[in-house]
């Protein structure tokens, strides 16, 4: 249930994902375009988010390939790394981001085995 296969394109899915939610669409795009199939990178992002949620860190921001992720304890922002794309920044629940990333890491690990 971590991803649906559409042709050769893997579409991220996770428990609680809402197909009509622009924030969830942006999370899915970030997983595909910025995390990809890189388990070490996915793990690092997950650890950074966990540090913010647990209070070890007050926040974290990273400019990635296509998006800028700004993590807060309850809410996180995902904006386009390219201003010319015209995409408005979206705010998502950090818990949703964590659930999506955990499911994506599971998919990566399944593919590696």
N, C-alpha and C. Protein backbone atom coordinates (compact mmCIF):
# COMPACT_ATOMS: atom_id res chain seq x y z
N UNK A 1 0.82 -1.19 0.00
CA UNK A 1 0.00 0.00 0.00
C UNK A 1 0.86 1.25 0.00
N UNK A 2 2.15 1.12 -0.15
CA UNK A 2 3.03 2.27 -0.13
C UNK A 2 3.02 3.04 -1.44
N UNK A 3 2.70 2.38 -2.52
CA UNK A 3 2.71 3.07 -3.80
C UNK A 3 1.87 2.29 -4.79
N UNK A 4 1.23 3.02 -5.69
CA UNK A 4 0.51 2.40 -6.79
C UNK A 4 1.40 2.50 -8.01
N UNK A 5 1.33 1.50 -8.86
CA UNK A 5 2.14 1.52 -10.08
C UNK A 5 1.25 1.98 -11.22
N UNK A 6 1.67 3.04 -11.89
CA UNK A 6 0.99 3.55 -13.06
C UNK A 6 2.02 3.48 -14.18
N UNK A 7 1.95 2.43 -15.01
CA UNK A 7 3.02 2.21 -15.96
C UNK A 7 4.28 1.92 -15.16
N UNK A 8 5.34 2.66 -15.39
CA UNK A 8 6.57 2.50 -14.62
C UNK A 8 6.70 3.58 -13.54
N UNK A 9 5.73 4.45 -13.43
CA UNK A 9 5.77 5.55 -12.47
C UNK A 9 5.19 5.09 -11.14
N UNK A 10 5.96 5.26 -10.08
CA UNK A 10 5.47 4.92 -8.75
C UNK A 10 4.82 6.16 -8.15
N UNK A 11 3.56 6.02 -7.76
CA UNK A 11 2.80 7.11 -7.17
C UNK A 11 2.75 6.88 -5.67
N UNK A 12 3.30 7.79 -4.88
CA UNK A 12 3.31 7.60 -3.43
C UNK A 12 1.90 7.49 -2.84
N UNK A 13 1.78 6.63 -1.87
CA UNK A 13 0.54 6.46 -1.13
C UNK A 13 0.93 6.17 0.32
N UNK A 14 0.08 6.54 1.24
CA UNK A 14 0.33 6.29 2.65
C UNK A 14 -0.99 6.31 3.37
N UNK A 15 -1.05 5.68 4.55
CA UNK A 15 -2.29 5.69 5.32
C UNK A 15 -2.73 7.13 5.61
N UNK A 16 -3.97 7.44 5.27
CA UNK A 16 -4.49 8.78 5.49
C UNK A 16 -4.32 9.73 4.32
N UNK A 17 -3.69 9.29 3.23
CA UNK A 17 -3.49 10.17 2.07
C UNK A 17 -4.85 10.49 1.44
N UNK A 18 -5.02 11.79 1.18
CA UNK A 18 -6.24 12.26 0.52
C UNK A 18 -5.86 12.71 -0.89
N UNK A 19 -6.46 12.06 -1.86
CA UNK A 19 -6.13 12.32 -3.27
C UNK A 19 -6.49 13.75 -3.71
N UNK A 20 -7.44 14.37 -3.06
CA UNK A 20 -7.88 15.71 -3.48
C UNK A 20 -7.26 16.82 -2.63
N UNK A 21 -6.21 16.51 -1.89
CA UNK A 21 -5.58 17.47 -0.99
C UNK A 21 -4.31 18.03 -1.63
N UNK A 22 -4.25 19.34 -1.90
CA UNK A 22 -3.05 19.92 -2.53
C UNK A 22 -1.78 19.72 -1.70
N UNK A 23 -1.89 19.71 -0.40
CA UNK A 23 -0.73 19.47 0.45
C UNK A 23 -0.21 18.05 0.30
N UNK A 24 -1.12 17.10 0.23
CA UNK A 24 -0.72 15.71 0.05
C UNK A 24 -0.13 15.50 -1.35
N UNK A 25 -0.68 16.21 -2.33
CA UNK A 25 -0.10 16.14 -3.69
C UNK A 25 1.33 16.67 -3.68
N UNK A 26 1.57 17.74 -2.93
CA UNK A 26 2.92 18.31 -2.87
C UNK A 26 3.88 17.37 -2.12
N UNK A 27 3.38 16.72 -1.06
CA UNK A 27 4.22 15.73 -0.38
C UNK A 27 4.61 14.63 -1.36
N UNK A 28 3.64 14.14 -2.13
CA UNK A 28 3.92 13.07 -3.10
C UNK A 28 4.95 13.52 -4.12
N UNK A 29 4.81 14.74 -4.62
CA UNK A 29 5.77 15.27 -5.60
C UNK A 29 7.16 15.36 -4.97
N UNK A 30 7.24 15.82 -3.73
CA UNK A 30 8.53 15.93 -3.06
C UNK A 30 9.18 14.56 -2.89
N UNK A 31 8.39 13.56 -2.54
CA UNK A 31 8.93 12.21 -2.38
C UNK A 31 9.55 11.71 -3.68
N UNK A 32 8.84 11.90 -4.77
CA UNK A 32 9.32 11.41 -6.06
C UNK A 32 10.49 12.22 -6.58
N UNK A 33 10.36 13.55 -6.57
CA UNK A 33 11.36 14.42 -7.19
C UNK A 33 12.58 14.69 -6.32
N UNK A 34 12.40 14.72 -5.01
CA UNK A 34 13.49 15.11 -4.13
C UNK A 34 14.10 13.96 -3.33
N UNK A 35 13.29 13.01 -2.93
CA UNK A 35 13.79 11.88 -2.16
C UNK A 35 14.18 10.74 -3.11
N UNK A 36 13.30 10.46 -4.06
CA UNK A 36 13.57 9.40 -5.03
C UNK A 36 13.81 8.07 -4.34
N UNK A 37 14.70 7.28 -4.91
CA UNK A 37 15.02 5.96 -4.36
C UNK A 37 16.33 5.98 -3.59
N UNK A 38 16.57 7.03 -2.85
CA UNK A 38 17.83 7.19 -2.11
C UNK A 38 17.58 6.92 -0.62
N UNK A 39 17.83 5.70 -0.17
CA UNK A 39 17.51 5.36 1.22
C UNK A 39 18.27 6.18 2.26
N UNK A 40 19.55 6.51 1.99
CA UNK A 40 20.30 7.31 2.97
C UNK A 40 19.70 8.71 3.08
N UNK A 41 19.34 9.29 1.96
CA UNK A 41 18.74 10.63 1.96
C UNK A 41 17.39 10.60 2.66
N UNK A 42 16.56 9.61 2.34
CA UNK A 42 15.25 9.48 2.97
C UNK A 42 15.40 9.36 4.49
N UNK A 43 16.38 8.55 4.91
CA UNK A 43 16.63 8.39 6.34
C UNK A 43 17.07 9.67 7.01
N UNK A 44 17.91 10.44 6.32
CA UNK A 44 18.36 11.70 6.90
C UNK A 44 17.19 12.67 7.07
N UNK A 45 16.36 12.78 6.05
CA UNK A 45 15.19 13.67 6.13
C UNK A 45 14.28 13.22 7.28
N UNK A 46 14.05 11.92 7.38
CA UNK A 46 13.20 11.39 8.46
C UNK A 46 13.78 11.73 9.84
N UNK A 47 15.10 11.58 9.99
CA UNK A 47 15.74 11.91 11.28
C UNK A 47 15.62 13.40 11.60
N UNK A 48 15.79 14.24 10.60
CA UNK A 48 15.68 15.69 10.82
C UNK A 48 14.26 16.06 11.25
N UNK A 49 13.26 15.46 10.61
CA UNK A 49 11.87 15.74 10.96
C UNK A 49 11.60 15.24 12.38
N UNK A 50 12.08 14.06 12.71
CA UNK A 50 11.89 13.50 14.05
C UNK A 50 12.53 14.40 15.10
N UNK A 51 13.69 14.96 14.81
CA UNK A 51 14.35 15.87 15.75
C UNK A 51 13.50 17.10 16.02
N UNK A 52 12.82 17.59 15.01
CA UNK A 52 11.95 18.76 15.20
C UNK A 52 10.72 18.37 16.02
N UNK A 53 10.10 17.25 15.68
CA UNK A 53 8.89 16.81 16.37
C UNK A 53 9.16 16.53 17.84
N UNK A 54 10.31 15.95 18.14
CA UNK A 54 10.63 15.62 19.54
C UNK A 54 11.19 16.80 20.32
N UNK A 55 11.49 17.89 19.65
CA UNK A 55 12.01 19.07 20.33
C UNK A 55 13.52 19.12 20.41
N UNK A 56 14.20 18.13 19.84
CA UNK A 56 15.67 18.14 19.82
C UNK A 56 16.17 19.31 18.98
N UNK A 57 15.40 19.66 17.95
CA UNK A 57 15.71 20.80 17.08
C UNK A 57 14.48 21.69 17.01
N UNK A 58 14.69 22.99 16.88
CA UNK A 58 13.54 23.90 16.83
C UNK A 58 12.94 24.01 15.43
N UNK A 59 13.63 23.54 14.42
CA UNK A 59 13.13 23.57 13.04
C UNK A 59 14.22 23.12 12.09
N UNK A 60 13.83 22.85 10.86
CA UNK A 60 14.79 22.42 9.85
C UNK A 60 14.31 22.86 8.49
N UNK A 61 15.22 23.36 7.69
CA UNK A 61 14.88 23.76 6.32
C UNK A 61 15.93 23.21 5.38
N UNK A 62 15.47 22.72 4.23
CA UNK A 62 16.39 22.18 3.24
C UNK A 62 15.88 22.52 1.84
N UNK A 63 16.78 23.06 1.03
CA UNK A 63 16.49 23.26 -0.38
C UNK A 63 16.90 21.97 -1.08
N UNK A 64 15.94 21.35 -1.74
CA UNK A 64 16.21 20.09 -2.43
C UNK A 64 16.15 20.33 -3.94
N UNK A 65 16.06 19.27 -4.71
CA UNK A 65 16.04 19.40 -6.17
C UNK A 65 14.91 20.29 -6.67
N UNK A 66 13.69 19.98 -6.27
CA UNK A 66 12.52 20.68 -6.78
C UNK A 66 11.77 21.49 -5.73
N UNK A 67 12.00 21.20 -4.47
CA UNK A 67 11.22 21.83 -3.40
C UNK A 67 12.11 22.33 -2.27
N UNK A 68 11.53 23.24 -1.50
CA UNK A 68 12.13 23.69 -0.25
C UNK A 68 11.22 23.18 0.86
N UNK A 69 11.79 22.42 1.76
CA UNK A 69 11.03 21.87 2.88
C UNK A 69 11.41 22.63 4.13
N UNK A 70 10.40 23.17 4.81
CA UNK A 70 10.59 23.88 6.06
C UNK A 70 9.77 23.15 7.12
N UNK A 71 10.47 22.49 8.04
CA UNK A 71 9.80 21.61 9.01
C UNK A 71 9.59 22.34 10.33
N UNK A 72 8.36 22.27 10.82
CA UNK A 72 8.01 22.75 12.15
C UNK A 72 7.42 21.61 12.94
N UNK A 73 7.27 21.80 14.22
CA UNK A 73 6.78 20.72 15.10
C UNK A 73 5.40 20.21 14.66
N UNK A 74 4.47 21.10 14.36
CA UNK A 74 3.11 20.70 13.99
C UNK A 74 2.82 20.88 12.51
N UNK A 75 3.36 21.93 11.92
CA UNK A 75 3.11 22.24 10.52
C UNK A 75 4.43 22.39 9.78
N UNK A 76 4.44 21.98 8.52
CA UNK A 76 5.62 22.11 7.68
C UNK A 76 5.21 22.77 6.37
N UNK A 77 6.14 23.46 5.76
CA UNK A 77 5.87 24.12 4.49
C UNK A 77 6.66 23.45 3.37
N UNK A 78 6.03 23.34 2.20
CA UNK A 78 6.71 22.83 1.02
C UNK A 78 6.46 23.84 -0.09
N UNK A 79 7.56 24.41 -0.58
CA UNK A 79 7.44 25.39 -1.66
C UNK A 79 8.35 24.97 -2.81
N UNK A 80 8.13 25.56 -3.94
CA UNK A 80 8.94 25.25 -5.11
C UNK A 80 10.33 25.86 -4.95
N UNK A 81 11.34 25.12 -5.32
CA UNK A 81 12.72 25.64 -5.28
C UNK A 81 12.99 26.55 -6.46
N UNK A 82 12.10 26.53 -7.45
CA UNK A 82 12.24 27.34 -8.65
C UNK A 82 11.10 28.35 -8.69
N UNK A 83 11.42 29.62 -8.44
CA UNK A 83 10.41 30.67 -8.40
C UNK A 83 9.63 30.80 -9.70
N UNK A 84 10.21 30.38 -10.80
CA UNK A 84 9.52 30.53 -12.09
C UNK A 84 8.41 29.51 -12.29
N UNK A 85 8.33 28.50 -11.42
CA UNK A 85 7.29 27.47 -11.55
C UNK A 85 5.91 28.01 -11.20
N UNK A 86 5.85 29.04 -10.38
CA UNK A 86 4.57 29.65 -10.04
C UNK A 86 3.74 28.87 -9.04
N UNK A 87 4.31 27.85 -8.43
CA UNK A 87 3.57 27.07 -7.44
C UNK A 87 3.54 27.81 -6.11
N UNK A 88 2.35 27.95 -5.54
CA UNK A 88 2.24 28.57 -4.23
C UNK A 88 2.75 27.60 -3.18
N UNK A 89 3.38 28.12 -2.13
CA UNK A 89 3.80 27.25 -1.03
C UNK A 89 2.56 26.61 -0.39
N UNK A 90 2.71 25.41 0.12
CA UNK A 90 1.62 24.76 0.84
C UNK A 90 2.08 24.41 2.24
N UNK A 91 1.13 24.38 3.15
CA UNK A 91 1.40 23.98 4.52
C UNK A 91 0.75 22.63 4.75
N UNK A 92 1.49 21.73 5.35
CA UNK A 92 0.98 20.38 5.62
C UNK A 92 1.21 20.06 7.09
N UNK A 93 0.43 19.14 7.60
CA UNK A 93 0.67 18.65 8.96
C UNK A 93 1.97 17.87 8.96
N UNK A 94 2.84 18.16 9.89
CA UNK A 94 4.11 17.44 9.97
C UNK A 94 3.86 15.95 10.18
N UNK A 95 2.82 15.59 10.89
CA UNK A 95 2.48 14.17 11.07
C UNK A 95 2.17 13.50 9.74
N UNK A 96 1.49 14.22 8.82
CA UNK A 96 1.21 13.67 7.49
C UNK A 96 2.51 13.48 6.72
N UNK A 97 3.41 14.44 6.83
CA UNK A 97 4.71 14.36 6.17
C UNK A 97 5.49 13.15 6.68
N UNK A 98 5.47 12.95 7.99
CA UNK A 98 6.17 11.81 8.58
C UNK A 98 5.57 10.48 8.12
N UNK A 99 4.24 10.39 8.06
CA UNK A 99 3.57 9.16 7.62
C UNK A 99 3.92 8.86 6.17
N UNK A 100 3.91 9.89 5.35
CA UNK A 100 4.24 9.70 3.93
C UNK A 100 5.68 9.25 3.76
N UNK A 101 6.58 9.87 4.48
CA UNK A 101 8.00 9.53 4.37
C UNK A 101 8.25 8.11 4.88
N UNK A 102 7.60 7.71 5.96
CA UNK A 102 7.75 6.35 6.48
C UNK A 102 7.28 5.32 5.44
N UNK A 103 6.14 5.59 4.81
CA UNK A 103 5.63 4.68 3.78
C UNK A 103 6.58 4.64 2.59
N UNK A 104 7.13 5.79 2.21
CA UNK A 104 8.06 5.86 1.08
C UNK A 104 9.35 5.09 1.39
N UNK A 105 9.86 5.24 2.60
CA UNK A 105 11.05 4.49 2.99
C UNK A 105 10.75 2.99 2.93
N UNK A 106 9.56 2.58 3.36
CA UNK A 106 9.17 1.18 3.26
C UNK A 106 9.18 0.70 1.82
N UNK A 107 8.71 1.53 0.91
CA UNK A 107 8.69 1.19 -0.50
C UNK A 107 10.11 1.05 -1.04
N UNK A 108 10.98 1.97 -0.65
CA UNK A 108 12.38 1.91 -1.08
C UNK A 108 13.02 0.61 -0.58
N UNK A 109 12.78 0.29 0.68
CA UNK A 109 13.36 -0.92 1.27
C UNK A 109 12.82 -2.18 0.61
N UNK A 110 11.53 -2.18 0.27
CA UNK A 110 10.94 -3.33 -0.42
C UNK A 110 11.59 -3.51 -1.80
N UNK A 111 11.82 -2.41 -2.48
CA UNK A 111 12.42 -2.48 -3.80
C UNK A 111 13.86 -2.95 -3.76
N UNK A 112 14.54 -2.70 -2.65
CA UNK A 112 15.96 -3.07 -2.52
C UNK A 112 16.13 -4.55 -2.18
N UNK A 113 15.06 -5.17 -1.67
CA UNK A 113 15.20 -6.56 -1.28
C UNK A 113 14.85 -7.53 -2.38
